[in-house]
Amino acid sequence: MRKNYPSNVSKEQFENIKSILENTKKRTKPRSLDLYEVFCAVLYVLKSGCQWRMLPKDFPKWQIVYYYFQVWSKNNGNEPSVLQLVLKKLVMAFRINNGRKEQTSFCIIDSQSVKNTDTTENKGYDAGKKISGIKRHIAVDSQGLPHAIYITTAEKTDRNSAIIMIENEKENLSAVQKILVDAGYTGEKFASKIKTIINANVEVIKRNELHSFVVLPKRWVVERSFAWLEKCRRLWKNCEKKLNTSLQMVVLAFISILLKRF
């Protein structure tokens, strides 16, 4: 019998996403493998930061677990992966349970620079933060729930990356009326571009406009979302070879957080 690892979700929680994960692979015969066990194994890798080959023996074989992760992570062009569809469903369900609309009207955008390991294929250098690696760009609502995630190499500017992220998720962000950003997104060109894409207004909060050192208003929400990701050792550094794999690991982390709230 498999151990109950802290990274696991319950079978009841897994039922919320089981149907989406099952439909990714056409069945020609009854499935002998329990997808719940596979999903928990993927969460174990994410939470512990171990290599795929170092999965405990009470999980399914690592080759099978890795195969399913690849299937769930695959995205063709601008088409979302299975994990991204799962996250979108959970975010909408969580908002409805809290008495909110499915789509948010308010977003906070920020980025996080993360160091690379030697196994990564895509590398860049963030001169401002002196970090060689990647950048995670996210747009969250007032509850810290992600509505858009985008991964780039670290040399990409926050403004240009945010524009691409919003362009990619403009259907999901179509109801947004206001976007809150920090001084790194200052500029009339950025604000006008956002206005053109989703007809939202950009508000920039600058620290030098405050009379004393305090947490920037509402900015702590997106910082808390980044802090949630830090609870997963796999995300402490970027050890993924492909940018898409880095993206799917971030998506998986948010899925794990939301599942445990149901």
Protein backbone atom coordinates (compact mmCIF):
# COMPACT_ATOMS: atom_id res chain seq x y z
CA MET A 1 0.00 0.00 0.00
CA ARG A 2 1.37 3.44 -0.98
CA LYS A 3 2.33 5.95 1.69
CA ASN A 4 0.25 9.08 2.19
CA TYR A 5 2.78 11.72 1.12
CA PRO A 6 2.20 15.41 2.04
CA SER A 7 2.17 16.28 -1.67
CA ASN A 8 -0.88 14.07 -2.33
CA VAL A 9 -4.37 15.34 -2.98
CA SER A 10 -7.34 13.28 -1.81
CA LYS A 11 -9.32 11.10 -4.19
CA GLU A 12 -12.34 13.35 -3.63
CA GLN A 13 -10.31 16.39 -4.68
CA PHE A 14 -8.93 14.52 -7.70
CA GLU A 15 -12.49 13.82 -8.89
CA ASN A 16 -12.78 17.54 -9.78
CA ILE A 17 -10.25 17.13 -12.60
CA LYS A 18 -10.34 13.39 -13.35
CA SER A 19 -12.59 13.66 -16.41
CA ILE A 20 -10.28 16.16 -18.16
CA LEU A 21 -7.16 14.07 -17.53
CA GLU A 22 -8.85 10.86 -18.69
CA ASN A 23 -10.00 12.33 -22.00
CA THR A 24 -6.47 13.15 -23.14
CA LYS A 25 -5.73 9.60 -24.19
CA LYS A 26 -8.17 7.52 -26.21
CA ARG A 27 -9.02 4.24 -24.52
CA THR A 28 -9.20 1.10 -26.63
CA LYS A 29 -9.49 -1.17 -23.58
CA PRO A 30 -10.24 -0.76 -19.87
CA ARG A 31 -7.56 1.30 -18.15
CA SER A 32 -5.51 -0.80 -15.73
CA LEU A 33 -3.52 2.16 -14.43
CA ASP A 34 -4.98 4.43 -11.76
CA LEU A 35 -4.55 8.04 -12.96
CA TYR A 36 -4.90 9.22 -9.38
CA GLU A 37 -1.64 7.43 -8.53
CA VAL A 38 0.07 8.94 -11.59
CA PHE A 39 -1.09 12.45 -10.72
CA CYS A 40 0.09 12.12 -7.12
CA ALA A 41 3.47 10.94 -8.42
CA VAL A 42 3.77 14.08 -10.59
CA LEU A 43 2.89 16.22 -7.55
CA TYR A 44 5.59 14.40 -5.56
CA VAL A 45 8.22 15.40 -8.14
CA LEU A 46 6.98 18.99 -8.06
CA LYS A 47 6.88 19.27 -4.28
CA SER A 48 10.07 17.38 -3.42
CA GLY A 49 12.19 18.55 -6.36
CA CYS A 50 13.50 15.04 -6.99
CA GLN A 51 14.43 13.63 -10.39
CA TRP A 52 11.87 11.53 -12.25
CA ARG A 53 14.07 8.45 -11.87
CA MET A 54 14.10 8.93 -8.07
CA LEU A 55 10.35 8.48 -7.58
CA PRO A 56 9.59 6.13 -4.65
CA LYS A 57 8.87 2.56 -5.68
CA ASP A 58 5.31 2.65 -4.33
CA PHE A 59 4.33 4.99 -7.18
CA PRO A 60 3.87 3.70 -10.76
CA LYS A 61 7.08 3.35 -12.78
CA TRP A 62 8.75 6.70 -13.40
CA GLN A 63 8.67 6.17 -17.18
CA ILE A 64 4.87 5.93 -17.07
CA VAL A 65 4.54 8.96 -14.79
CA TYR A 66 6.83 11.02 -17.01
CA TYR A 67 4.93 9.93 -20.13
CA TYR A 68 1.61 11.11 -18.70
CA PHE A 69 3.16 14.40 -17.59
CA GLN A 70 4.35 14.96 -21.17
CA VAL A 71 0.87 14.19 -22.52
CA TRP A 72 -0.79 16.58 -20.04
CA SER A 73 1.84 19.27 -20.73
CA LYS A 74 1.75 19.22 -24.52
CA ASN A 75 0.45 22.36 -26.23
CA ASN A 76 0.26 22.86 -29.96
CA GLY A 77 1.03 26.46 -30.82
CA ASN A 78 -1.38 28.72 -28.94
CA GLU A 79 -3.60 25.81 -27.89
CA PRO A 80 -3.56 25.34 -24.08
CA SER A 81 -2.28 22.12 -22.57
CA VAL A 82 -4.46 19.78 -20.54
CA LEU A 83 -2.96 21.14 -17.32
CA GLN A 84 -3.76 24.70 -18.40
CA LEU A 85 -7.38 23.68 -19.09
CA VAL A 86 -7.54 22.08 -15.64
CA LEU A 87 -6.22 25.24 -13.99
CA LYS A 88 -8.71 27.42 -15.84
CA LYS A 89 -11.59 25.18 -14.71
CA LEU A 90 -10.43 25.25 -11.07
CA VAL A 91 -9.97 29.04 -11.02
CA MET A 92 -13.48 29.58 -12.40
CA ALA A 93 -14.99 27.07 -9.96
CA PHE A 94 -13.17 28.63 -7.01
CA ARG A 95 -14.37 32.13 -7.96
CA ILE A 96 -17.97 30.95 -8.33
CA ASN A 97 -17.80 29.23 -4.93
CA ASN A 98 -16.72 32.58 -3.46
CA GLY A 99 -19.66 34.38 -5.02
CA ARG A 100 -17.69 35.99 -7.85
CA LYS A 101 -18.02 35.93 -11.62
CA GLU A 102 -16.05 33.39 -13.67
CA GLN A 103 -13.92 36.09 -15.30
CA THR A 104 -12.16 38.74 -13.26
CA SER A 105 -12.49 42.49 -13.88
CA PHE A 106 -9.27 43.32 -12.03
CA CYS A 107 -5.73 41.97 -12.47
CA ILE A 108 -2.32 42.49 -10.92
CA ILE A 109 0.70 41.75 -13.12
CA ASP A 110 4.27 41.08 -12.06
CA SER A 111 7.32 39.01 -12.97
CA GLN A 112 9.82 36.88 -11.08
CA SER A 113 13.38 36.15 -12.21
CA VAL A 114 14.58 32.61 -11.44
CA LYS A 115 18.07 31.16 -11.73
CA ASN A 116 18.76 28.36 -14.21
CA THR A 117 20.60 25.12 -13.60
CA ASP A 118 23.12 23.73 -16.09
CA THR A 119 20.53 21.38 -17.64
CA THR A 120 18.38 24.15 -19.13
CA GLU A 121 18.35 24.89 -22.83
CA ASN A 122 16.95 28.45 -22.83
CA LYS A 123 18.99 31.01 -20.94
CA GLY A 124 18.97 34.79 -20.53
CA TYR A 125 20.46 37.39 -18.21
CA ASP A 126 18.42 39.85 -16.16
CA ALA A 127 20.86 42.76 -15.76
CA GLY A 128 18.66 44.54 -13.24
CA LYS A 129 18.49 41.62 -10.79
CA LYS A 130 21.83 40.07 -11.81
CA ILE A 131 20.18 36.71 -12.51
CA SER A 132 20.90 34.29 -15.35
CA GLY A 133 17.81 32.24 -16.01
CA ILE A 134 14.13 32.71 -16.83
CA LYS A 135 11.28 35.04 -15.94
CA ARG A 136 7.84 34.00 -14.73
CA HIS A 137 5.13 36.48 -15.66
CA ILE A 138 1.70 36.12 -14.05
CA ALA A 139 -1.58 38.02 -13.95
CA VAL A 140 -3.65 37.33 -10.81
CA ASP A 141 -6.97 38.55 -9.48
CA SER A 142 -7.62 40.09 -6.05
CA GLN A 143 -7.53 36.59 -4.50
CA GLY A 144 -4.15 35.76 -6.00
CA LEU A 145 -5.61 33.26 -8.48
CA PRO A 146 -3.75 33.09 -11.83
CA HIS A 147 -5.57 34.10 -15.00
CA ALA A 148 -2.50 34.26 -17.24
CA ILE A 149 1.01 32.75 -16.99
CA TYR A 150 3.90 33.29 -19.37
CA ILE A 151 7.52 32.12 -19.21
CA THR A 152 10.42 33.84 -20.99
CA THR A 153 14.18 33.97 -20.75
CA ALA A 154 15.41 36.50 -18.18
CA GLU A 155 16.56 39.22 -20.60
CA LYS A 156 13.04 39.88 -21.89
CA THR A 157 11.52 43.14 -20.63
CA ASP A 158 8.52 43.06 -18.32
CA ARG A 159 6.43 45.35 -20.53
CA ASN A 160 6.86 43.42 -23.79
CA SER A 161 6.36 40.07 -22.07
CA ALA A 162 3.20 41.29 -20.32
CA ILE A 163 1.78 42.44 -23.65
CA ILE A 164 2.43 39.01 -25.22
CA MET A 165 0.94 37.26 -22.17
CA ILE A 166 -2.23 39.34 -22.36
CA GLU A 167 -2.43 38.85 -26.12
CA ASN A 168 -2.24 35.08 -25.63
CA GLU A 169 -4.93 35.11 -22.92
CA LYS A 170 -7.13 37.93 -24.19
CA GLU A 171 -10.25 35.73 -24.24
CA ASN A 172 -9.67 34.76 -20.61
CA LEU A 173 -9.01 38.42 -19.70
CA SER A 174 -11.75 39.96 -21.82
CA ALA A 175 -13.70 41.19 -18.77
CA VAL A 176 -10.71 42.94 -17.16
CA GLN A 177 -11.27 46.66 -16.71
CA LYS A 178 -8.22 47.59 -14.64
CA ILE A 179 -4.65 46.26 -14.39
CA LEU A 180 -2.35 47.15 -11.48
CA VAL A 181 1.42 47.15 -12.10
CA ASP A 182 4.62 48.47 -10.52
CA ALA A 183 7.07 51.05 -11.86
CA GLY A 184 8.70 48.52 -14.18
CA TYR A 185 5.67 48.75 -16.46
CA THR A 186 5.62 52.55 -16.68
CA GLY A 187 5.02 54.00 -20.14
CA GLU A 188 2.28 55.38 -22.31
CA LYS A 189 3.07 52.86 -25.06
CA PHE A 190 2.44 49.91 -22.69
CA ALA A 191 -0.81 51.39 -21.37
CA SER A 192 -2.14 52.14 -24.86
CA LYS A 193 -1.24 48.64 -26.09
CA ILE A 194 -3.15 47.04 -23.20
CA LYS A 195 -6.07 49.34 -23.93
CA THR A 196 -6.06 48.18 -27.55
CA ILE A 197 -5.91 44.46 -26.72
CA ILE A 198 -8.48 44.12 -23.91
CA ASN A 199 -9.73 47.69 -23.37
CA ALA A 200 -8.37 47.81 -19.81
CA ASN A 201 -6.84 50.75 -17.94
CA VAL A 202 -3.35 50.44 -16.45
CA GLU A 203 -2.57 51.85 -13.00
CA VAL A 204 1.10 52.17 -12.00
CA ILE A 205 1.98 52.26 -8.30
CA LYS A 206 5.37 53.83 -7.61
CA ARG A 207 7.15 53.46 -4.28
CA ASN A 208 8.61 57.00 -4.36
CA GLU A 209 5.09 58.42 -4.30
CA LEU A 210 4.51 57.04 -0.81
CA HIS A 211 5.56 59.08 2.24
CA SER A 212 6.95 56.12 4.18
CA PHE A 213 8.10 52.56 3.57
CA VAL A 214 5.00 50.37 3.49
CA VAL A 215 3.83 47.44 1.40
CA LEU A 216 2.66 48.75 -1.96
CA PRO A 217 -1.15 48.85 -2.03
CA LYS A 218 -2.61 45.56 -3.40
CA ARG A 219 0.80 44.57 -4.77
CA TRP A 220 1.27 42.08 -1.93
CA VAL A 221 -1.38 39.87 -3.57
CA VAL A 222 0.80 38.93 -6.55
CA GLU A 223 3.87 38.59 -4.29
CA ARG A 224 1.91 36.12 -2.18
CA SER A 225 1.12 34.12 -5.32
CA PHE A 226 4.84 33.90 -6.08
CA ALA A 227 5.41 32.83 -2.46
CA TRP A 228 2.96 29.96 -2.96
CA LEU A 229 5.15 28.70 -5.80
CA GLU A 230 8.20 28.72 -3.53
CA LYS A 231 6.62 25.95 -1.46
CA CYS A 232 7.50 23.60 -4.34
CA ARG A 233 11.20 22.70 -4.38
CA ARG A 234 11.09 21.97 -8.10
CA LEU A 235 10.45 25.70 -8.63
CA TRP A 236 13.26 27.05 -6.42
CA LYS A 237 15.44 27.05 -9.54
CA ASN A 238 14.59 26.41 -13.16
CA CYS A 239 15.89 22.92 -13.87
CA GLU A 240 13.62 22.25 -16.87
CA LYS A 241 15.17 21.98 -20.31
CA LYS A 242 12.25 23.57 -22.19
CA LEU A 243 10.39 26.79 -21.39
CA ASN A 244 7.06 25.02 -21.88
CA THR A 245 7.99 22.47 -19.19
CA SER A 246 8.79 25.36 -16.83
CA LEU A 247 5.37 26.82 -17.62
CA GLN A 248 3.55 23.54 -16.98
CA MET A 249 5.30 23.10 -13.62
CA VAL A 250 4.04 26.51 -12.52
CA VAL A 251 0.55 25.61 -13.74
CA LEU A 252 0.75 22.30 -11.86
CA ALA A 253 1.74 24.12 -8.65
CA PHE A 254 -1.34 26.34 -8.83
CA ILE A 255 -3.51 23.27 -9.58
CA SER A 256 -2.20 21.57 -6.44
CA ILE A 257 -2.91 24.68 -4.34
CA LEU A 258 -6.48 25.03 -5.62
CA LEU A 259 -7.33 21.32 -5.35
CA LYS A 260 -6.41 21.33 -1.67
CA ARG A 261 -8.86 24.19 -1.09
CA PHE A 262 -11.86 22.17 -2.30
